[in-house]
Amino acid sequence: MNEQDLLALMKAKRDEIGTKALAVALGVSEPTVRSVCTGNYPGEPGNVLDKFARVFVDVVSCPHVGRTIERGECETRSRGPKPFGGASKLAWWEACQRCPHK
């Protein structure tokens, strides 16, 4: 995903949840969020957009555990071999096999 696409998604998320909530989620200041979204950020916005991608784009809401997990973890669990060594690991893997995120 290119920088312009991430910026558009970040602006949409800001409209959805507000500047303060977005800043808290990203671990940056509100002025940083505002300046990136308006195109007035004094530096290269890549670091902020990378944080946005990690928090909002590269994650999925896992219905099995009821929280967001990174896309990579989702793919590893769902595409991996059937696990051994615990009922909880097996239950999660079996849920992955029926999941729409797979």
Protein backbone atom coordinates (compact mmCIF):
# COMPACT_ATOMS: atom_id res chain seq x y z
CA MET A 1 0.00 0.00 0.00
CA ASN A 2 1.47 3.35 -0.98
CA GLU A 3 1.73 6.49 1.13
CA GLN A 4 -1.24 8.22 -0.51
CA ASP A 5 -3.50 5.22 0.20
CA LEU A 6 -2.38 5.14 3.83
CA LEU A 7 -2.95 8.87 4.16
CA ALA A 8 -6.49 8.52 2.79
CA LEU A 9 -7.20 5.70 5.25
CA MET A 10 -5.73 7.72 8.11
CA LYS A 11 -7.93 10.71 7.26
CA ALA A 12 -11.00 8.47 7.14
CA LYS A 13 -10.10 6.93 10.51
CA ARG A 14 -9.61 10.42 11.97
CA ASP A 15 -13.08 11.39 10.73
CA GLU A 16 -14.48 8.21 12.26
CA ILE A 17 -12.88 8.24 15.73
CA GLY A 18 -11.51 11.76 16.12
CA THR A 19 -8.05 13.27 16.35
CA LYS A 20 -7.49 12.56 20.04
CA ALA A 21 -8.42 8.85 19.84
CA LEU A 22 -6.27 8.39 16.75
CA ALA A 23 -3.31 10.11 18.40
CA VAL A 24 -3.63 7.90 21.48
CA ALA A 25 -3.87 4.74 19.37
CA LEU A 26 -0.76 5.70 17.42
CA GLY A 27 1.20 6.97 20.41
CA VAL A 28 1.75 10.41 18.88
CA SER A 29 0.51 13.90 19.70
CA GLU A 30 -2.73 15.39 18.42
CA PRO A 31 -0.83 18.14 16.53
CA THR A 32 1.13 15.42 14.73
CA VAL A 33 -2.07 13.71 13.60
CA ARG A 34 -3.57 17.01 12.47
CA SER A 35 -0.46 18.11 10.57
CA VAL A 36 -0.05 14.75 8.79
CA CYS A 37 -3.73 14.68 7.80
CA THR A 38 -3.67 18.26 6.49
CA GLY A 39 -0.37 17.85 4.64
CA ASN A 40 1.46 20.32 6.89
CA TYR A 41 3.74 17.86 8.69
CA PRO A 42 7.21 19.46 8.75
CA GLY A 43 9.07 16.22 8.13
CA GLU A 44 8.51 13.02 6.22
CA PRO A 45 5.19 11.51 7.38
CA GLY A 46 6.36 7.97 6.66
CA ASN A 47 6.98 7.04 10.31
CA VAL A 48 3.51 8.16 11.36
CA LEU A 49 1.91 6.39 8.42
CA ASP A 50 3.89 3.23 9.25
CA LYS A 51 2.49 3.34 12.79
CA PHE A 52 -0.99 3.81 11.37
CA ALA A 53 -0.56 0.80 9.09
CA ARG A 54 0.65 -1.40 11.98
CA VAL A 55 -2.23 -0.38 14.25
CA PHE A 56 -5.16 -0.16 11.82
CA VAL A 57 -4.30 -1.75 8.47
CA ASP A 58 -2.07 -4.74 9.14
CA VAL A 59 -4.40 -6.22 11.76
CA VAL A 60 -7.54 -8.32 11.77
CA SER A 61 -10.19 -8.75 14.41
CA CYS A 62 -9.86 -12.37 15.50
CA PRO A 63 -13.29 -13.76 16.38
CA HIS A 64 -11.75 -16.67 18.28
CA VAL A 65 -9.82 -14.61 20.84
CA GLY A 66 -12.00 -11.49 20.65
CA ARG A 67 -9.18 -9.02 19.96
CA THR A 68 -7.13 -7.71 17.09
CA ILE A 69 -4.04 -9.59 16.02
CA GLU A 70 -1.43 -8.85 13.39
CA ARG A 71 -2.19 -10.10 9.90
CA GLY A 72 1.05 -12.11 9.93
CA GLU A 73 0.04 -14.00 13.06
CA CYS A 74 -3.38 -14.67 11.55
CA GLU A 75 -1.83 -16.09 8.39
CA THR A 76 0.72 -18.16 10.32
CA ARG A 77 -1.96 -19.72 12.52
CA SER A 78 -4.47 -20.37 9.75
CA ARG A 79 -2.05 -21.70 7.14
CA GLY A 80 0.19 -23.66 9.47
CA PRO A 81 0.00 -27.39 10.10
CA LYS A 82 -2.35 -28.81 12.69
CA PRO A 83 -0.69 -28.07 16.04
CA PHE A 84 0.15 -30.52 18.77
CA GLY A 85 0.79 -29.83 22.42
CA GLY A 86 -2.38 -28.37 23.79
CA ALA A 87 -6.13 -28.19 23.41
CA SER A 88 -6.11 -24.38 23.25
CA LYS A 89 -3.70 -24.32 20.30
CA LEU A 90 -5.79 -26.92 18.50
CA ALA A 91 -9.04 -25.04 19.20
CA TRP A 92 -7.56 -21.81 17.82
CA TRP A 93 -6.25 -23.58 14.70
CA GLU A 94 -9.63 -25.26 14.11
CA ALA A 95 -11.39 -21.88 14.46
CA CYS A 96 -8.95 -20.47 11.90
CA GLN A 97 -9.93 -23.10 9.38
CA ARG A 98 -13.51 -21.77 9.37
CA CYS A 99 -12.62 -18.07 9.66
CA PRO A 100 -13.45 -15.56 6.90
CA HIS A 101 -10.06 -13.85 7.45
CA LYS A 102 -8.19 -16.97 6.34
